[in-house]
C-alpha atoms as a PDB file:
ATOM      1  CA  MET A   1      11.012  -9.970  23.351  1.00  0.00           C
ATOM      2  CA  LEU A   2       9.429  -6.806  21.852  1.00  0.00           C
ATOM      3  CA  ARG A   3      12.571  -4.776  22.680  1.00  0.00           C
ATOM      4  CA  SER A   4      14.419  -5.929  19.514  1.00  0.00           C
ATOM      5  CA  LEU A   5      11.318  -5.024  17.389  1.00  0.00           C
ATOM      6  CA  PHE A   6      11.129  -1.594  18.660  1.00  0.00           C
ATOM      7  CA  LEU A   7      14.843  -1.164  18.190  1.00  0.00           C
ATOM      8  CA  ALA A   8      14.596  -2.293  14.642  1.00  0.00           C
ATOM      9  CA  ALA A   9      11.808   0.156  14.079  1.00  0.00           C
ATOM     10  CA  ALA A  10      13.838   2.988  15.533  1.00  0.00           C
ATOM     11  CA  LEU A  11      16.717   2.076  13.270  1.00  0.00           C
ATOM     12  CA  LEU A  12      14.664   2.123  10.186  1.00  0.00           C
ATOM     13  CA  ILE A  13      12.888   5.460  11.085  1.00  0.00           C
ATOM     14  CA  ALA A  14      16.184   6.933  11.873  1.00  0.00           C
ATOM     15  CA  GLY A  15      17.761   6.028   8.584  1.00  0.00           C
ATOM     16  CA  ALA A  16      20.223   3.495   9.981  1.00  0.00           C
ATOM     17  CA  TRP A  17      18.448   0.689   8.230  1.00  0.00           C
ATOM     18  CA  PRO A  18      17.385   2.184   4.918  1.00  0.00           C
ATOM     19  CA  ALA A  19      14.243   0.615   3.240  1.00  0.00           C
ATOM     20  CA  SER A  20      16.025   1.317  -0.114  1.00  0.00           C
ATOM     21  CA  ALA A  21      19.134  -0.622   0.626  1.00  0.00           C
ATOM     22  CA  GLN A  22      20.608  -2.461  -2.517  1.00  0.00           C
ATOM     23  CA  PRO A  23      19.775  -6.101  -2.661  1.00  0.00           C
ATOM     24  CA  ALA A  24      22.269  -8.592  -4.043  1.00  0.00           C
ATOM     25  CA  ALA A  25      22.612  -8.836  -7.717  1.00  0.00           C
ATOM     26  CA  SER A  26      21.357 -12.314  -7.748  1.00  0.00           C
ATOM     27  CA  TYR A  27      18.182 -11.101  -6.434  1.00  0.00           C
ATOM     28  CA  PHE A  28      17.330  -9.602  -9.832  1.00  0.00           C
ATOM     29  CA  ALA A  29      18.056 -12.861 -11.645  1.00  0.00           C
ATOM     30  CA  PRO A  30      14.795 -14.535 -12.926  1.00  0.00           C
ATOM     31  CA  ASN A  31      14.921 -18.304 -13.359  1.00  0.00           C
ATOM     32  CA  PRO A  32      13.149 -19.843 -16.258  1.00  0.00           C
ATOM     33  CA  ALA A  33      12.781 -18.131 -19.528  1.00  0.00           C
ATOM     34  CA  GLN A  34       9.017 -17.945 -19.170  1.00  0.00           C
ATOM     35  CA  GLU A  35       9.433 -16.026 -15.932  1.00  0.00           C
ATOM     36  CA  ILE A  36      11.549 -13.437 -17.852  1.00  0.00           C
ATOM     37  CA  GLN A  37       8.988 -13.139 -20.559  1.00  0.00           C
ATOM     38  CA  ALA A  38       6.086 -12.563 -18.212  1.00  0.00           C
ATOM     39  CA  GLY A  39       7.804 -10.407 -15.612  1.00  0.00           C
ATOM     40  CA  GLY A  40       7.306 -13.040 -13.022  1.00  0.00           C
ATOM     41  CA  ALA A  41       3.486 -13.268 -13.501  1.00  0.00           C
ATOM     42  CA  ARG A  42       1.659 -16.548 -14.101  1.00  0.00           C
ATOM     43  CA  MET A  43      -1.818 -18.010 -13.978  1.00  0.00           C
ATOM     44  CA  ILE A  44      -1.717 -21.224 -11.820  1.00  0.00           C
ATOM     45  CA  PRO A  45      -4.329 -23.961 -12.457  1.00  0.00           C
ATOM     46  CA  ILE A  46      -6.452 -24.751  -9.528  1.00  0.00           C
ATOM     47  CA  LYS A  47      -8.729 -27.925  -9.209  1.00  0.00           C
ATOM     48  CA  THR A  48     -11.797 -27.687  -7.128  1.00  0.00           C
ATOM     49  CA  PRO A  49     -14.837 -30.096  -6.558  1.00  0.00           C
ATOM     50  CA  TYR A  50     -16.858 -27.774  -8.849  1.00  0.00           C
ATOM     51  CA  GLY A  51     -14.613 -27.188 -11.737  1.00  0.00           C
ATOM     52  CA  ASP A  52     -11.040 -26.182 -12.771  1.00  0.00           C
ATOM     53  CA  TYR A  53      -9.892 -22.606 -12.695  1.00  0.00           C
ATOM     54  CA  ARG A  54      -6.816 -20.409 -12.588  1.00  0.00           C
ATOM     55  CA  VAL A  55      -5.458 -17.883 -10.053  1.00  0.00           C
ATOM     56  CA  TRP A  56      -2.960 -15.100 -10.774  1.00  0.00           C
ATOM     57  CA  THR A  57       0.422 -14.739  -9.044  1.00  0.00           C
ATOM     58  CA  LYS A  58       3.459 -12.586  -9.631  1.00  0.00           C
ATOM     59  CA  LYS A  59       6.964 -13.299  -8.341  1.00  0.00           C
ATOM     60  CA  ILE A  60       9.211 -10.376  -7.253  1.00  0.00           C
ATOM     61  CA  GLY A  61      12.904 -11.095  -6.709  1.00  0.00           C
ATOM     62  CA  SER A  62      14.914 -14.285  -6.185  1.00  0.00           C
ATOM     63  CA  ASN A  63      15.958 -15.699  -2.822  1.00  0.00           C
ATOM     64  CA  PRO A  64      16.086 -19.486  -2.312  1.00  0.00           C
ATOM     65  CA  ARG A  65      15.990 -19.102   1.497  1.00  0.00           C
ATOM     66  CA  ILE A  66      13.056 -16.496   1.909  1.00  0.00           C
ATOM     67  CA  LYS A  67       9.930 -16.691  -0.147  1.00  0.00           C
ATOM     68  CA  VAL A  68       6.854 -14.822   1.165  1.00  0.00           C
ATOM     69  CA  LEU A  69       3.399 -15.609  -0.096  1.00  0.00           C
ATOM     70  CA  LEU A  70       0.984 -12.718   0.514  1.00  0.00           C
ATOM     71  CA  LEU A  71      -2.672 -13.388   1.351  1.00  0.00           C
ATOM     72  CA  HIS A  72      -5.024 -10.464   0.829  1.00  0.00           C
ATOM     73  CA  GLY A  73      -8.067  -9.637   2.815  1.00  0.00           C
ATOM     74  CA  GLY A  74     -11.728  -9.455   1.797  1.00  0.00           C
ATOM     75  CA  PRO A  75     -12.734 -12.171   1.176  1.00  0.00           C
ATOM     76  CA  GLY A  76     -12.978 -11.111  -2.492  1.00  0.00           C
ATOM     77  CA  GLY A  77     -10.239  -8.300  -2.210  1.00  0.00           C
ATOM     78  CA  THR A  78      -7.121  -8.175  -4.311  1.00  0.00           C
ATOM     79  CA  HIS A  79      -3.399  -8.192  -3.875  1.00  0.00           C
ATOM     80  CA  GLU A  80      -3.171  -4.530  -4.897  1.00  0.00           C
ATOM     81  CA  TYR A  81      -3.164  -2.998  -1.507  1.00  0.00           C
ATOM     82  CA  PHE A  82      -0.182  -4.979  -0.627  1.00  0.00           C
ATOM     83  CA  GLU A  83       1.981  -2.975  -3.270  1.00  0.00           C
ATOM     84  CA  ALA A  84       3.624  -0.977  -0.531  1.00  0.00           C
ATOM     85  CA  VAL A  85       5.720  -4.051  -0.038  1.00  0.00           C
ATOM     86  CA  ASP A  86       7.611  -2.998  -3.244  1.00  0.00           C
ATOM     87  CA  SER A  87       9.244  -0.245  -1.305  1.00  0.00           C
ATOM     88  CA  PHE A  88      10.615  -2.487   1.479  1.00  0.00           C
ATOM     89  CA  PHE A  89      11.118  -6.155   0.660  1.00  0.00           C
ATOM     90  CA  PRO A  90      13.500  -5.875  -2.326  1.00  0.00           C
ATOM     91  CA  GLY A  91      15.917  -3.724  -0.211  1.00  0.00           C
ATOM     92  CA  HIS A  92      16.266  -6.723   1.948  1.00  0.00           C
ATOM     93  CA  SER A  93      16.546  -9.440  -0.721  1.00  0.00           C
ATOM     94  CA  ILE A  94      13.088 -10.935   0.177  1.00  0.00           C
ATOM     95  CA  GLU A  95      11.467 -12.852  -2.531  1.00  0.00           C
ATOM     96  CA  TYR A  96       7.646 -12.421  -2.518  1.00  0.00           C
ATOM     97  CA  PHE A  97       4.509 -13.406  -4.482  1.00  0.00           C
ATOM     98  CA  TYR A  98       1.430 -11.297  -5.111  1.00  0.00           C
ATOM     99  CA  TYR A  99      -1.571 -13.544  -5.401  1.00  0.00           C
ATOM    100  CA  ASP A 100      -5.175 -12.909  -6.190  1.00  0.00           C
ATOM    101  CA  GLN A 101      -7.378 -15.698  -4.653  1.00  0.00           C
ATOM    102  CA  LEU A 102      -9.983 -17.457  -6.850  1.00  0.00           C
ATOM    103  CA  GLY A 103     -12.871 -14.905  -7.385  1.00  0.00           C
ATOM    104  CA  SER A 104     -10.576 -11.960  -7.059  1.00  0.00           C
ATOM    105  CA  HIS A 105      -9.957  -9.402  -9.834  1.00  0.00           C
ATOM    106  CA  TYR A 106      -6.915 -10.815 -11.527  1.00  0.00           C
ATOM    107  CA  SER A 107      -7.921 -14.463 -11.129  1.00  0.00           C
ATOM    108  CA  ASP A 108     -10.809 -16.363 -12.586  1.00  0.00           C
ATOM    109  CA  GLN A 109     -14.143 -15.260 -11.133  1.00  0.00           C
ATOM    110  CA  PRO A 110     -16.690 -18.116 -11.232  1.00  0.00           C
ATOM    111  CA  ASP A 111     -20.053 -17.346  -9.990  1.00  0.00           C
ATOM    112  CA  ASP A 112     -20.608 -20.317  -7.737  1.00  0.00           C
ATOM    113  CA  PRO A 113     -21.405 -19.940  -4.026  1.00  0.00           C
ATOM    114  CA  ARG A 114     -20.188 -23.472  -3.237  1.00  0.00           C
ATOM    115  CA  LEU A 115     -16.587 -22.314  -3.726  1.00  0.00           C
ATOM    116  CA  TRP A 116     -16.536 -19.772  -1.002  1.00  0.00           C
ATOM    117  CA  THR A 117     -15.613 -21.878   2.010  1.00  0.00           C
ATOM    118  CA  ILE A 118     -12.644 -21.977   4.259  1.00  0.00           C
ATOM    119  CA  PRO A 119     -11.492 -25.478   3.505  1.00  0.00           C
ATOM    120  CA  ARG A 120     -11.736 -24.867  -0.332  1.00  0.00           C
ATOM    121  CA  PHE A 121      -9.648 -21.712   0.073  1.00  0.00           C
ATOM    122  CA  VAL A 122      -7.022 -23.644   2.153  1.00  0.00           C
ATOM    123  CA  ASP A 123      -6.848 -26.264  -0.479  1.00  0.00           C
ATOM    124  CA  GLU A 124      -6.323 -23.498  -3.110  1.00  0.00           C
ATOM    125  CA  VAL A 125      -3.291 -22.068  -1.099  1.00  0.00           C
ATOM    126  CA  GLU A 126      -1.774 -25.593  -0.914  1.00  0.00           C
ATOM    127  CA  GLN A 127      -2.089 -25.897  -4.766  1.00  0.00           C
ATOM    128  CA  VAL A 128      -0.550 -22.485  -5.174  1.00  0.00           C
ATOM    129  CA  ARG A 129       2.266 -23.417  -2.806  1.00  0.00           C
ATOM    130  CA  ILE A 130       3.064 -26.570  -4.734  1.00  0.00           C
ATOM    131  CA  ALA A 131       3.016 -24.690  -8.099  1.00  0.00           C
ATOM    132  CA  LEU A 132       5.462 -22.185  -6.863  1.00  0.00           C
ATOM    133  CA  GLY A 133       7.780 -24.632  -5.298  1.00  0.00           C
ATOM    134  CA  LEU A 134       7.646 -23.316  -1.725  1.00  0.00           C
ATOM    135  CA  ASP A 135       8.547 -25.535   1.164  1.00  0.00           C
ATOM    136  CA  SER A 136       9.470 -25.672   4.856  1.00  0.00           C
ATOM    137  CA  SER A 137      13.020 -24.442   4.221  1.00  0.00           C
ATOM    138  CA  ASN A 138      11.761 -21.109   2.766  1.00  0.00           C
ATOM    139  CA  PHE A 139       8.031 -20.616   2.887  1.00  0.00           C
ATOM    140  CA  TYR A 140       6.692 -17.612   4.821  1.00  0.00           C
ATOM    141  CA  LEU A 141       3.022 -17.165   4.710  1.00  0.00           C
ATOM    142  CA  MET A 142       1.750 -13.604   5.438  1.00  0.00           C
ATOM    143  CA  GLY A 143      -2.024 -12.830   5.671  1.00  0.00           C
ATOM    144  CA  ASN A 144      -3.851  -9.636   6.366  1.00  0.00           C
ATOM    145  CA  SER A 145      -7.433  -9.428   7.614  1.00  0.00           C
ATOM    146  CA  TRP A 146      -9.362 -12.349   5.986  1.00  0.00           C
ATOM    147  CA  GLY A 147      -5.958 -13.350   4.717  1.00  0.00           C
ATOM    148  CA  GLY A 148      -4.991 -13.822   8.402  1.00  0.00           C
ATOM    149  CA  ILE A 149      -7.959 -16.274   8.831  1.00  0.00           C
ATOM    150  CA  LEU A 150      -6.766 -18.033   5.815  1.00  0.00           C
ATOM    151  CA  ALA A 151      -3.091 -18.159   6.991  1.00  0.00           C
ATOM    152  CA  MET A 152      -4.212 -19.528  10.427  1.00  0.00           C
ATOM    153  CA  GLU A 153      -6.300 -22.227   8.851  1.00  0.00           C
ATOM    154  CA  TYR A 154      -3.549 -23.136   6.356  1.00  0.00           C
ATOM    155  CA  ALA A 155      -1.062 -23.444   9.183  1.00  0.00           C
ATOM    156  CA  LEU A 156      -3.520 -25.636  11.232  1.00  0.00           C
ATOM    157  CA  LYS A 157      -3.711 -28.094   8.394  1.00  0.00           C
ATOM    158  CA  TYR A 158      -0.296 -27.757   6.523  1.00  0.00           C
ATOM    159  CA  GLN A 159       2.152 -26.265   8.816  1.00  0.00           C
ATOM    160  CA  LYS A 160       4.702 -28.920   8.038  1.00  0.00           C
ATOM    161  CA  ASN A 161       5.200 -26.989   4.791  1.00  0.00           C
ATOM    162  CA  LEU A 162       5.820 -23.617   6.509  1.00  0.00           C
ATOM    163  CA  LYS A 163       8.994 -21.784   7.646  1.00  0.00           C
ATOM    164  CA  ALA A 164       6.994 -19.092   9.520  1.00  0.00           C
ATOM    165  CA  LEU A 165       3.589 -17.588   9.716  1.00  0.00           C
ATOM    166  CA  LEU A 166       2.657 -13.771   9.745  1.00  0.00           C
ATOM    167  CA  ILE A 167      -0.950 -12.995  11.115  1.00  0.00           C
ATOM    168  CA  CYS A 168      -1.539  -9.327  10.312  1.00  0.00           C
ATOM    169  CA  ASN A 169      -4.432  -7.448  11.724  1.00  0.00           C
ATOM    170  CA  MET A 170      -6.652 -10.392  12.391  1.00  0.00           C
ATOM    171  CA  MET A 171      -8.263 -11.979  15.612  1.00  0.00           C
ATOM    172  CA  ALA A 172      -8.674 -15.634  16.093  1.00  0.00           C
ATOM    173  CA  SER A 173     -12.483 -15.377  16.703  1.00  0.00           C
ATOM    174  CA  ALA A 174     -15.140 -13.800  14.503  1.00  0.00           C
ATOM    175  CA  PRO A 175     -17.635 -13.614  17.336  1.00  0.00           C
ATOM    176  CA  ALA A 176     -15.046 -11.725  19.344  1.00  0.00           C
ATOM    177  CA  TYR A 177     -14.386  -9.519  16.477  1.00  0.00           C
ATOM    178  CA  GLY A 178     -18.093  -8.674  16.162  1.00  0.00           C
ATOM    179  CA  ASP A 179     -18.439  -8.070  19.864  1.00  0.00           C
ATOM    180  CA  TYR A 180     -15.473  -5.582  19.775  1.00  0.00           C
ATOM    181  CA  ALA A 181     -17.004  -3.723  16.820  1.00  0.00           C
ATOM    182  CA  GLN A 182     -20.373  -3.479  18.234  1.00  0.00           C
ATOM    183  CA  ASN A 183     -19.690  -2.899  21.948  1.00  0.00           C
ATOM    184  CA  VAL A 184     -16.460  -0.944  21.829  1.00  0.00           C
ATOM    185  CA  LEU A 185     -15.800   0.692  18.518  1.00  0.00           C
ATOM    186  CA  ALA A 186     -19.407   1.662  17.792  1.00  0.00           C
ATOM    187  CA  LYS A 187     -19.235   3.837  20.819  1.00  0.00           C
ATOM    188  CA  GLY A 188     -16.828   6.145  19.040  1.00  0.00           C
ATOM    189  CA  VAL A 189     -19.089   6.657  16.077  1.00  0.00           C
ATOM    190  CA  GLU A 190     -21.199   9.836  15.923  1.00  0.00           C
ATOM    191  CA  PRO A 191     -24.587   8.883  17.448  1.00  0.00           C
ATOM    192  CA  LYS A 192     -26.658  10.271  14.507  1.00  0.00           C
ATOM    193  CA  ALA A 193     -24.545   8.451  11.956  1.00  0.00           C
ATOM    194  CA  LEU A 194     -24.611   5.235  14.035  1.00  0.00           C
ATOM    195  CA  ALA A 195     -28.407   5.346  14.177  1.00  0.00           C
ATOM    196  CA  GLU A 196     -28.644   5.709  10.362  1.00  0.00           C
ATOM    197  CA  ILE A 197     -26.189   2.822   9.875  1.00  0.00           C
ATOM    198  CA  ARG A 198     -28.155   0.582  12.168  1.00  0.00           C
ATOM    199  CA  ALA A 199     -31.469   1.566  10.423  1.00  0.00           C
ATOM    200  CA  LEU A 200     -30.028   0.761   7.023  1.00  0.00           C
ATOM    201  CA  GLU A 201     -28.730  -2.534   8.385  1.00  0.00           C
ATOM    202  CA  ALA A 202     -32.040  -3.439   9.854  1.00  0.00           C
ATOM    203  CA  ALA A 203     -33.844  -2.685   6.663  1.00  0.00           C
ATOM    204  CA  GLY A 204     -31.462  -4.758   4.633  1.00  0.00           C
ATOM    205  CA  ARG A 205     -30.318  -1.701   2.593  1.00  0.00           C
ATOM    206  CA  THR A 206     -26.603  -2.175   2.971  1.00  0.00           C
ATOM    207  CA  ASN A 207     -26.004  -2.288  -0.758  1.00  0.00           C
ATOM    208  CA  GLU A 208     -27.113   1.428  -1.014  1.00  0.00           C
ATOM    209  CA  PRO A 209     -24.435   4.138  -1.670  1.00  0.00           C
ATOM    210  CA  ARG A 210     -25.577   5.900   1.518  1.00  0.00           C
ATOM    211  CA  PHE A 211     -24.565   2.978   3.718  1.00  0.00           C
ATOM    212  CA  GLU A 212     -21.143   2.796   2.137  1.00  0.00           C
ATOM    213  CA  GLU A 213     -20.795   6.610   2.487  1.00  0.00           C
ATOM    214  CA  LEU A 214     -21.646   6.486   6.194  1.00  0.00           C
ATOM    215  CA  VAL A 215     -19.477   3.597   6.940  1.00  0.00           C
ATOM    216  CA  PHE A 216     -16.412   5.047   5.179  1.00  0.00           C
ATOM    217  CA  ALA A 217     -16.786   8.493   6.652  1.00  0.00           C
ATOM    218  CA  ASN A 218     -17.560   7.358  10.163  1.00  0.00           C
ATOM    219  CA  TYR A 219     -15.671   4.213  10.691  1.00  0.00           C
ATOM    220  CA  TYR A 220     -13.101   3.306   7.959  1.00  0.00           C
ATOM    221  CA  VAL A 221     -11.077   6.517   8.262  1.00  0.00           C
ATOM    222  CA  ASP A 222     -10.697   5.896  11.941  1.00  0.00           C
ATOM    223  CA  HIS A 223     -10.280   2.027  12.018  1.00  0.00           C
ATOM    224  CA  VAL A 224      -9.344   0.783   8.476  1.00  0.00           C
ATOM    225  CA  LEU A 225      -6.866   3.447   7.291  1.00  0.00           C
ATOM    226  CA  ARG A 226      -6.434   6.532   9.349  1.00  0.00           C
ATOM    227  CA  ARG A 227      -6.469   9.210   6.672  1.00  0.00           C
ATOM    228  CA  PRO A 228      -9.108  11.190   4.976  1.00  0.00           C
ATOM    229  CA  LEU A 229     -10.509   9.268   2.089  1.00  0.00           C
ATOM    230  CA  ALA A 230      -9.023  11.658  -0.489  1.00  0.00           C
ATOM    231  CA  GLN A 231      -5.641  10.884   0.840  1.00  0.00           C
ATOM    232  CA  TRP A 232      -5.885   7.075   0.722  1.00  0.00           C
ATOM    233  CA  PRO A 233      -2.954   5.500  -1.296  1.00  0.00           C
ATOM    234  CA  GLU A 234      -3.872   4.681  -4.783  1.00  0.00           C
ATOM    235  CA  PRO A 235      -3.280   0.869  -4.437  1.00  0.00           C
ATOM    236  CA  VAL A 236      -5.812   0.851  -1.567  1.00  0.00           C
ATOM    237  CA  THR A 237      -8.476   2.724  -3.692  1.00  0.00           C
ATOM    238  CA  ARG A 238      -7.880   0.477  -6.594  1.00  0.00           C
ATOM    239  CA  SER A 239      -8.190  -2.656  -4.491  1.00  0.00           C
ATOM    240  CA  PHE A 240     -11.424  -1.395  -2.980  1.00  0.00           C
ATOM    241  CA  ALA A 241     -12.722  -0.663  -6.533  1.00  0.00           C
ATOM    242  CA  HIS A 242     -11.896  -4.257  -7.653  1.00  0.00           C
ATOM    243  CA  LEU A 243     -13.525  -5.932  -4.614  1.00  0.00           C
ATOM    244  CA  ASN A 244     -15.771  -8.853  -5.442  1.00  0.00           C
ATOM    245  CA  LYS A 245     -18.696  -7.861  -3.521  1.00  0.00           C
ATOM    246  CA  LYS A 246     -20.665 -11.009  -3.929  1.00  0.00           C
ATOM    247  CA  ILE A 247     -17.886 -13.039  -2.123  1.00  0.00           C
ATOM    248  CA  TYR A 248     -17.321 -10.331   0.382  1.00  0.00           C
ATOM    249  CA  VAL A 249     -20.831  -9.888   1.452  1.00  0.00           C
ATOM    250  CA  MET A 250     -21.548 -13.680   1.557  1.00  0.00           C
ATOM    251  CA  MET A 251     -18.607 -14.401   3.785  1.00  0.00           C
ATOM    252  CA  GLN A 252     -17.861 -11.134   5.684  1.00  0.00           C
ATOM    253  CA  GLY A 253     -21.036  -9.221   5.550  1.00  0.00           C
ATOM    254  CA  PRO A 254     -21.620  -5.747   3.997  1.00  0.00           C
ATOM    255  CA  SER A 255     -18.606  -3.977   5.712  1.00  0.00           C
ATOM    256  CA  GLU A 256     -15.752  -4.226   8.156  1.00  0.00           C
ATOM    257  CA  PHE A 257     -18.121  -2.932  10.855  1.00  0.00           C
ATOM    258  CA  GLY A 258     -18.501  -6.352  12.466  1.00  0.00           C
ATOM    259  CA  ILE A 259     -19.106  -9.569  10.693  1.00  0.00           C
ATOM    260  CA  SER A 260     -22.318 -11.092   9.566  1.00  0.00           C
ATOM    261  CA  GLY A 261     -21.608 -13.457   6.729  1.00  0.00           C
ATOM    262  CA  THR A 262     -20.765 -17.123   6.681  1.00  0.00           C
ATOM    263  CA  LEU A 263     -17.647 -16.443   8.798  1.00  0.00           C
ATOM    264  CA  GLU A 264     -19.784 -15.161  11.641  1.00  0.00           C
ATOM    265  CA  LYS A 265     -19.114 -18.063  13.922  1.00  0.00           C
ATOM    266  CA  TRP A 266     -15.533 -18.881  12.879  1.00  0.00           C
ATOM    267  CA  ASP A 267     -13.417 -19.348  15.943  1.00  0.00           C
ATOM    268  CA  ARG A 268      -9.908 -20.874  16.386  1.00  0.00           C
ATOM    269  CA  THR A 269      -8.999 -19.606  19.880  1.00  0.00           C
ATOM    270  CA  ARG A 270      -8.884 -23.102  21.319  1.00  0.00           C
ATOM    271  CA  ASP A 271      -6.539 -24.186  18.565  1.00  0.00           C
ATOM    272  CA  LEU A 272      -3.817 -21.550  18.544  1.00  0.00           C
ATOM    273  CA  HIS A 273      -1.534 -23.615  20.706  1.00  0.00           C
ATOM    274  CA  LEU A 274      -1.351 -26.212  17.856  1.00  0.00           C
ATOM    275  CA  ILE A 275       0.503 -23.721  15.612  1.00  0.00           C
ATOM    276  CA  THR A 276       4.140 -24.505  16.313  1.00  0.00           C
ATOM    277  CA  VAL A 277       5.968 -22.617  13.574  1.00  0.00           C
ATOM    278  CA  PRO A 278       7.595 -19.284  14.330  1.00  0.00           C
ATOM    279  CA  THR A 279       4.742 -16.676  14.191  1.00  0.00           C
ATOM    280  CA  LEU A 280       4.372 -12.891  14.051  1.00  0.00           C
ATOM    281  CA  VAL A 281       1.096 -11.266  15.158  1.00  0.00           C
ATOM    282  CA  THR A 282       0.712  -7.564  14.361  1.00  0.00           C
ATOM    283  CA  VAL A 283      -1.174  -5.629  16.949  1.00  0.00           C
ATOM    284  CA  ALA A 284      -2.429  -2.142  15.733  1.00  0.00           C
ATOM    285  CA  ARG A 285      -3.903   0.222  18.284  1.00  0.00           C
ATOM    286  CA  TYR A 286      -6.768   1.589  16.147  1.00  0.00           C
ATOM    287  CA  ASP A 287      -7.595  -1.617  14.345  1.00  0.00           C
ATOM    288  CA  THR A 288     -11.048  -2.911  13.648  1.00  0.00           C
ATOM    289  CA  MET A 289      -9.642  -5.852  15.539  1.00  0.00           C
ATOM    290  CA  ASP A 290      -9.232  -5.921  19.383  1.00  0.00           C
ATOM    291  CA  PRO A 291      -5.528  -5.260  20.194  1.00  0.00           C
ATOM    292  CA  THR A 292      -5.839  -7.076  23.660  1.00  0.00           C
ATOM    293  CA  HIS A 293      -7.082 -10.124  21.798  1.00  0.00           C
ATOM    294  CA  MET A 294      -4.166 -10.156  19.391  1.00  0.00           C
ATOM    295  CA  ARG A 295      -1.638  -9.683  22.099  1.00  0.00           C
ATOM    296  CA  TRP A 296      -3.302 -12.722  23.781  1.00  0.00           C
ATOM    297  CA  MET A 297      -2.961 -14.674  20.521  1.00  0.00           C
ATOM    298  CA  ALA A 298       0.818 -14.093  20.504  1.00  0.00           C
ATOM    299  CA  LYS A 299       1.023 -15.586  24.037  1.00  0.00           C
ATOM    300  CA  GLU A 300      -1.131 -18.590  23.042  1.00  0.00           C
ATOM    301  CA  ILE A 301       0.958 -19.534  20.079  1.00  0.00           C
ATOM    302  CA  PRO A 302       4.140 -21.409  21.422  1.00  0.00           C
ATOM    303  CA  HIS A 303       6.618 -19.576  19.212  1.00  0.00           C
ATOM    304  CA  ALA A 304       5.006 -16.267  18.539  1.00  0.00           C
ATOM    305  CA  ARG A 305       6.046 -12.533  18.685  1.00  0.00           C
ATOM    306  CA  ALA A 306       3.764  -9.531  18.954  1.00  0.00           C
ATOM    307  CA  LEU A 307       4.478  -6.453  16.861  1.00  0.00           C
ATOM    308  CA  GLU A 308       3.057  -3.300  18.510  1.00  0.00           C
ATOM    309  CA  LEU A 309       1.878  -0.695  15.995  1.00  0.00           C
ATOM    310  CA  PRO A 310       0.758   2.413  18.133  1.00  0.00           C
ATOM    311  CA  GLU A 311      -0.253   4.566  15.169  1.00  0.00           C
ATOM    312  CA  GLY A 312      -1.805   1.668  13.055  1.00  0.00           C
ATOM    313  CA  SER A 313      -5.320   0.622  12.099  1.00  0.00           C
ATOM    314  CA  HIS A 314      -6.433  -2.321   9.943  1.00  0.00           C
ATOM    315  CA  LEU A 315      -4.230  -1.248   7.172  1.00  0.00           C
ATOM    316  CA  ALA A 316      -1.189  -0.598   9.459  1.00  0.00           C
ATOM    317  CA  ILE A 317       0.800  -1.498   6.365  1.00  0.00           C
ATOM    318  CA  TYR A 318       0.140   2.222   5.402  1.00  0.00           C
ATOM    319  CA  ASP A 319      -0.644   4.190   8.503  1.00  0.00           C
ATOM    320  CA  ASP A 320       2.097   2.782  10.652  1.00  0.00           C
ATOM    321  CA  GLN A 321       4.270   1.817   7.805  1.00  0.00           C
ATOM    322  CA  GLN A 322       7.725   2.196   9.000  1.00  0.00           C
ATOM    323  CA  ARG A 323       7.208   0.237  12.254  1.00  0.00           C
ATOM    324  CA  PHE A 324       5.137  -2.397  10.358  1.00  0.00           C
ATOM    325  CA  PHE A 325       7.881  -3.182   7.786  1.00  0.00           C
ATOM    326  CA  ALA A 326      10.797  -2.845  10.398  1.00  0.00           C
ATOM    327  CA  GLY A 327       9.029  -5.360  12.468  1.00  0.00           C
ATOM    328  CA  VAL A 328       8.103  -7.780   9.684  1.00  0.00           C
ATOM    329  CA  ILE A 329      11.570  -7.655   8.157  1.00  0.00           C
ATOM    330  CA  SER A 330      13.193  -8.145  11.618  1.00  0.00           C
ATOM    331  CA  PHE A 331      11.130 -11.179  12.290  1.00  0.00           C
ATOM    332  CA  ILE A 332      11.816 -12.720   8.814  1.00  0.00           C
ATOM    333  CA  ALA A 333      15.562 -12.101   9.241  1.00  0.00           C
ATOM    334  CA  ASP A 334      15.488 -13.642  12.762  1.00  0.00           C
ATOM    335  CA  VAL A 335      13.793 -16.739  11.618  1.00  0.00           C
ATOM    336  CA  ASN A 336      16.020 -17.006   8.560  1.00  0.00           C
ATOM    337  CA  GLU A 337      19.129 -16.728  10.723  1.00  0.00           C
ATOM    338  CA  GLY A 338      17.903 -19.025  13.532  1.00  0.00           C
ATOM    339  CA  ARG A 339      17.606 -16.377  16.041  1.00  0.00           C
ATOM    340  CA  PHE A 340      13.929 -16.915  16.615  1.00  0.00           C
ATOM    341  CA  PRO A 341      12.430 -18.766  18.343  1.00  0.00           C
ATOM    342  CA  ALA A 342      15.371 -19.055  20.787  1.00  0.00           C
ATOM    343  CA  SER A 343      13.503 -21.324  23.087  1.00  0.00           C
ATOM    344  CA  PRO A 344       9.890 -22.459  23.830  1.00  0.00           C
ATOM    345  CA  LYS A 345       7.703 -20.379  26.007  1.00  0.00           C
ATOM    346  CA  LYS A 346       7.310 -21.349  29.594  1.00  0.00           C
END
């Protein structure tokens, strides 16, 4: 099953499948006049139990058969680090939507902790889907990190509306994620730095610049994006700068070095078999997430494919970019053309 993915990656890397291929002319044809006026951007009204708000979306391209909604990480992150998609999806006539979830930089940012729950976010995604006119004939949901949690939760409630699901760089269990960070990845952190990180955590001083400095220098550059901080792509640094830390700390905890917020006990390992739509699970070797667990996820989901990213970390969209996009585009093409799934797993 993985052989076709590696072949696609090899073709793209070799230049036989150029990322800059010319899309069909119709791809550039916006639909309503308001879309032309706003360059595809729009604020979508969202109803919640605690008030009505608006979330920001932006449509790129036109393809009635393939529409990808991108769910960013965080929680409280932004769509901005997804902008590498611009270099790949248009060349394959894939229509896609950037989207800042409620509380994120381009959307309304209410200061109400009651809003930051998984069910409320899932309901928001469903309202966005309806507003954008996506349905089971064309709707591909692609989530990274926290966006992967949200994508799984959406599929478990609303998969009748999905064409396919892409779970990027996310495990199906927050406790397992925490165990992997503390018992496996922590062993690779320089002991003196690890001791200082632990001391700051124990003292509740994780909001201090020193904590962020230590975590970035000793963990993020190895497991979030494998480059020196000075070389991180501008969309990534911009997205970090716009992070809503109130939401992030409340739900995730103070860093990607494990999880300690309200998501701490989230676990869907027993429910993966209920996801029946075609699914891609990305497996990055150096991720903050356990690669073995993510391979297991692809086996548990009845119609799933694993995409191996041997050079990738949590943002494999950048540090194993060619393989990442070759695999994602190949999966979308296979689903669109009815080549995947060929038959149920035995």
